Protein backbone atom coordinates (compact mmCIF):
# COMPACT_ATOMS: atom_id res chain seq x y z
CA MET A 1 0.94 -5.78 -7.75
CA MET A 2 0.66 -6.48 -11.45
CA ILE A 3 0.80 -4.10 -14.38
CA ALA A 4 -1.80 -4.69 -17.06
CA GLY A 5 -0.50 -5.45 -20.55
CA SER A 6 0.15 -2.44 -22.79
CA HIS A 7 -1.25 -1.69 -26.27
CA HIS A 8 1.24 0.74 -27.75
CA ASP A 9 -0.60 1.35 -31.02
CA VAL A 10 -3.80 2.30 -29.21
CA LYS A 11 -1.95 4.74 -26.91
CA ALA A 12 -0.11 6.34 -29.79
CA HIS A 13 -3.37 6.83 -31.66
CA ILE A 14 -5.23 8.25 -28.66
CA LEU A 15 -2.50 10.43 -27.26
CA GLY A 16 -0.49 11.26 -30.34
CA VAL A 17 2.71 11.29 -28.34
CA ASN A 18 5.66 9.02 -27.71
CA ARG A 19 7.37 9.24 -24.33
CA THR A 20 10.06 7.23 -22.63
CA ALA A 21 8.75 4.31 -20.59
CA VAL A 22 9.52 4.26 -16.90
CA ASN A 23 9.33 1.11 -14.80
CA VAL A 24 9.40 1.99 -11.11
CA LEU A 25 9.02 -1.51 -9.69
CA GLY A 26 11.85 -2.47 -7.38
CA GLN A 27 13.48 0.96 -7.34
CA SER A 28 14.04 3.04 -4.24
CA MET A 29 12.20 6.27 -3.56
CA SER A 30 14.78 8.77 -4.74
CA PRO A 31 15.39 7.23 -8.22
CA VAL A 32 11.61 6.91 -8.70
CA ASN A 33 11.00 10.57 -8.05
CA ARG A 34 13.98 11.65 -10.15
CA GLU A 35 12.72 9.62 -13.11
CA LEU A 36 9.16 10.87 -12.76
CA GLN A 37 10.23 14.49 -12.53
CA ASN A 38 11.92 14.12 -15.91
CA LEU A 39 8.61 13.24 -17.58
CA GLN A 40 6.12 15.75 -18.93
CA GLU A 41 3.00 16.97 -17.10
CA PRO A 42 0.21 14.48 -16.19
CA ILE A 43 -2.28 13.65 -18.92
CA ALA A 44 -5.82 14.88 -18.26
CA GLY A 45 -8.95 12.87 -19.01
CA VAL A 46 -7.42 9.40 -18.88
CA SER A 47 -10.15 6.79 -19.21
CA LEU A 48 -10.45 3.84 -16.87
CA SER A 49 -9.60 1.29 -19.55
CA GLN A 50 -6.33 3.07 -20.34
CA MET A 51 -4.99 3.55 -16.80
CA SER A 52 -2.81 0.46 -16.44
CA ASP A 53 -1.72 0.60 -20.08
CA LEU A 54 -0.49 4.14 -19.55
CA ALA A 55 1.33 3.07 -16.40
CA ALA A 56 3.10 0.27 -18.25
CA ALA A 57 4.38 2.77 -20.81
CA GLY A 58 5.42 5.36 -18.22
CA TYR A 59 2.74 7.97 -18.87
CA LEU A 60 1.76 10.10 -15.89
CA VAL A 61 -1.82 10.18 -14.66
CA SER A 62 -3.01 13.04 -12.46
CA PRO A 63 -4.23 12.27 -8.91
CA GLU A 64 -7.65 13.64 -9.84
CA ASP A 65 -7.99 11.35 -12.87
CA TYR A 66 -6.81 8.39 -10.81
CA LEU A 67 -9.31 9.01 -8.00
CA THR A 68 -12.19 9.58 -10.41
CA ALA A 69 -11.51 6.37 -12.34
CA GLU A 70 -10.79 4.36 -9.20
CA ARG A 71 -14.28 5.00 -7.85
CA LEU A 72 -15.68 3.16 -10.89
CA SER A 73 -13.04 0.47 -11.22
CA GLU A 74 -13.85 -3.19 -10.59
CA ILE A 75 -10.26 -3.81 -9.54
CA LYS A 76 -8.05 -1.76 -7.23
CA HIS A 77 -5.08 0.30 -8.39
CA GLU A 78 -2.29 1.88 -6.39
CA TYR A 79 -0.94 5.27 -7.41
CA LEU A 80 2.78 6.09 -7.33
CA ALA A 81 3.47 9.73 -8.17
CA GLY A 82 1.56 9.58 -11.45
CA VAL A 83 2.10 5.91 -12.24
CA VAL A 84 -0.86 3.56 -11.76
CA HIS A 85 -0.51 -0.15 -10.95
CA ALA A 86 -3.33 -2.70 -11.05
CA MET A 87 -3.27 -4.91 -7.96
CA ALA A 88 -3.15 -8.67 -8.32
CA GLY A 89 -5.32 -11.08 -6.40
CA THR A 90 -4.03 -12.71 -3.22
CA SER A 91 -3.49 -16.28 -2.10
CA VAL A 92 -5.80 -17.94 0.43
CA ASP A 93 -3.16 -17.83 3.18
CA HIS A 94 -2.44 -14.16 2.43
CA ASP A 95 -6.11 -13.40 2.97
CA ARG A 96 -6.33 -15.60 6.07
CA ILE A 97 -3.50 -13.66 7.68
CA ALA A 98 -5.03 -10.28 6.83
CA VAL A 99 -8.46 -11.38 8.11
CA ASN A 100 -6.95 -12.78 11.33
CA ILE A 101 -5.20 -9.48 12.03
CA LEU A 102 -8.25 -7.40 11.14
CA ARG A 103 -10.62 -9.51 13.26
CA GLU A 104 -8.43 -9.53 16.36
CA LEU A 105 -7.66 -5.82 16.17
CA GLY A 106 -11.36 -5.11 15.70
CA ASN A 107 -12.17 -7.09 18.83
CA GLN A 108 -9.47 -5.44 20.92
CA LEU A 109 -10.28 -1.93 19.73
CA ARG A 110 -13.95 -1.97 20.71
CA GLY A 111 -14.67 1.28 22.55
CA HIS A 112 -11.31 2.69 21.48
CA PRO A 113 -10.93 5.82 19.32
CA CYS A 114 -8.76 3.89 16.87
CA GLU A 115 -10.24 1.33 14.47
CA ALA A 116 -8.96 -1.29 12.03
CA PHE A 117 -9.72 -1.21 8.30
CA SER A 118 -9.31 -3.79 5.54
CA SER A 119 -7.47 -3.39 2.25
CA ASP A 120 -10.50 -1.63 0.75
CA VAL A 121 -9.50 1.64 2.47
CA LYS A 122 -6.75 3.74 0.92
CA VAL A 123 -3.87 5.58 2.59
CA ARG A 124 -2.67 8.79 0.92
CA ILE A 125 0.88 10.04 1.24
CA GLU A 126 2.72 13.22 0.35
CA SER A 127 6.43 12.42 0.06
CA MET A 128 9.27 14.35 -1.56
CA GLY A 129 6.85 16.52 -3.50
CA SER A 130 4.90 13.57 -4.92
CA ARG A 131 1.60 11.90 -4.05
CA PHE A 132 1.01 8.21 -3.42
CA TYR A 133 -2.12 6.15 -2.76
CA TYR A 134 -1.81 2.64 -1.33
CA TYR A 135 -4.22 -0.06 -0.14
CA PRO A 136 -2.51 -1.61 2.93
CA ASP A 137 -3.68 -5.08 3.90
CA VAL A 138 -4.72 -3.75 7.33
CA THR A 139 -4.68 -0.17 8.62
CA VAL A 140 -5.32 1.10 12.12
CA ASP A 141 -6.60 4.67 11.88
CA CYS A 142 -7.30 7.03 14.75
CA SER A 143 -8.99 9.94 12.96
CA ASN A 144 -12.62 8.92 13.52
CA ALA A 145 -12.96 9.16 9.74
CA ARG A 146 -16.24 10.27 8.20
CA GLY A 147 -18.48 7.53 6.89
CA ASP A 148 -18.11 8.69 3.29
CA SER A 149 -14.32 9.12 3.45
CA LEU A 150 -12.22 7.08 1.02
CA PHE A 151 -9.06 7.35 3.11
CA ALA A 152 -7.59 6.53 6.49
CA ASP A 153 -6.64 10.09 7.43
CA GLU A 154 -4.48 9.35 10.48
CA PRO A 155 -3.05 5.84 10.07
CA ARG A 156 -1.17 4.83 13.18
CA ILE A 157 -0.28 1.26 12.23
CA VAL A 158 -0.02 -0.34 8.79
CA PHE A 159 0.26 -4.07 8.02
CA GLU A 160 1.42 -5.49 4.71
CA VAL A 161 1.35 -9.25 4.11
CA LEU A 162 4.32 -10.12 1.93
CA SER A 163 4.05 -11.97 -1.36
CA PRO A 164 6.76 -12.85 -3.90
CA GLN A 165 5.43 -10.19 -6.28
CA THR A 166 5.32 -7.34 -3.78
CA GLU A 167 7.93 -8.08 -1.10
CA ARG A 168 10.62 -5.94 -2.69
CA ILE A 169 8.25 -2.98 -2.98
CA ASP A 170 6.90 -3.43 0.56
CA ARG A 171 10.43 -3.49 2.02
CA ALA A 172 11.80 -0.55 0.05
CA GLU A 173 9.48 1.91 -1.70
CA LYS A 174 6.52 1.50 0.65
CA LEU A 175 8.73 1.49 3.73
CA GLY A 176 10.11 4.92 2.84
CA ASN A 177 6.72 6.32 1.89
CA TYR A 178 4.85 5.01 4.91
CA GLN A 179 7.53 6.45 7.18
CA ALA A 180 6.76 9.87 5.69
CA ILE A 181 3.26 9.75 7.27
CA THR A 182 3.52 11.87 10.41
CA SER A 183 0.80 9.94 12.27
CA LEU A 184 2.28 6.49 11.54
CA GLN A 185 3.91 4.80 14.53
CA VAL A 186 4.36 1.20 13.36
CA TYR A 187 4.81 -0.54 10.02
CA VAL A 188 4.48 -4.33 10.14
CA LEU A 189 5.58 -6.76 7.41
CA VAL A 190 4.10 -10.24 7.74
CA ASP A 191 5.67 -13.18 5.91
CA GLN A 192 2.91 -15.43 4.57
CA PHE A 193 5.06 -18.56 4.16
CA HIS A 194 7.01 -18.49 7.44
CA ARG A 195 5.94 -17.45 10.92
CA PHE A 196 8.11 -14.36 10.81
CA ILE A 197 7.27 -10.68 11.22
CA THR A 198 9.35 -7.53 10.76
CA VAL A 199 8.29 -4.50 12.79
CA TYR A 200 9.39 -0.93 12.07
CA ARG A 201 8.61 1.35 15.01
CA ARG A 202 8.98 5.12 15.22
CA THR A 203 11.34 6.36 17.94
CA ALA A 204 12.01 9.86 19.23
CA SER A 205 14.57 10.52 16.50
CA SER A 206 14.30 7.76 13.90
CA TRP A 207 12.89 4.24 13.36
CA SER A 208 13.84 0.98 15.03
CA ASN A 209 13.21 -2.50 13.70
CA GLU A 210 12.54 -5.78 15.44
CA PHE A 211 11.92 -9.36 14.37
CA LEU A 212 9.37 -11.80 15.73
CA GLU A 213 8.95 -15.48 14.93
CA LYS A 214 7.26 -18.74 15.89
CA SER A 215 4.98 -18.13 18.90
CA ALA A 216 6.09 -14.64 19.85
CA ILE A 217 3.64 -11.83 20.62
CA LEU A 218 3.45 -8.59 18.66
CA GLU A 219 3.11 -5.85 21.27
CA LEU A 220 1.37 -2.70 20.07
CA PRO A 221 1.31 -0.30 23.04
CA GLU A 222 0.64 2.54 20.59
CA ILE A 223 -2.98 1.33 20.42
CA GLY A 224 -3.14 -0.88 23.50
CA CYS A 225 -3.21 -4.20 21.62
CA ARG A 226 -1.31 -7.50 21.61
CA LEU A 227 -1.28 -9.94 18.67
CA PRO A 228 0.13 -13.44 19.28
CA LEU A 229 1.71 -14.89 16.14
CA ASP A 230 -0.26 -18.07 16.84
CA LEU A 231 -3.40 -16.04 16.20
CA ILE A 232 -2.02 -14.15 13.20
CA TYR A 233 -1.10 -17.42 11.48
CA GLU A 234 -4.18 -19.38 12.59
CA ARG A 235 -5.39 -21.87 9.93
CA THR A 236 -2.50 -21.02 7.57
CA HIS A 237 0.21 -23.32 6.25
CA ALA A 238 3.07 -21.07 7.35
CA HIS A 239 5.81 -22.85 9.26
């Protein structure tokens, strides 16, 4: 994720206020929510061109304003309890991995009630009294979502392909938030530079984690699928 550059003079003129900036990148869930709760109420009527600038300065945007602007946006933004982040583009190998996972899951899930979605479909989360909207690289959803829905309503498995810019967030903030989704059974982190995968799996009382590498096979009995790492990393330069 990347935050668009800020224009402080423009914001001060438009909003007529001066609030303390909050940078939530790299922080854990609890400090993020504590900081955000100290800010004032979300600002209504935020225009699309101001969204990332407001995020960079710590201004809160309401979920309604975010969703309205996001429908018109040419780039995707993730929403973290009132803070909006513009998403950066991905590398070729990052996209290859995501496409490999999506294609194989799509093939294996034919005739199955669950289905795989690309990073164009959002996941919404209610956690610790705050709302979050993410675009996972791949989501397996089992809700038989309506055709006009913007969300995966019952995500069962989420994949994030790691990059240097997002790895810290994927392993900390997103881990905690995804685990708050009651329907989620598995959260998978895929290293794009090395053939190495971290799997977080829901147990009866908590979450377990496992590590796969080289030519191992990712077993997903939760949806009746198997993903060999050879297939996940096909055509990439990961070693």
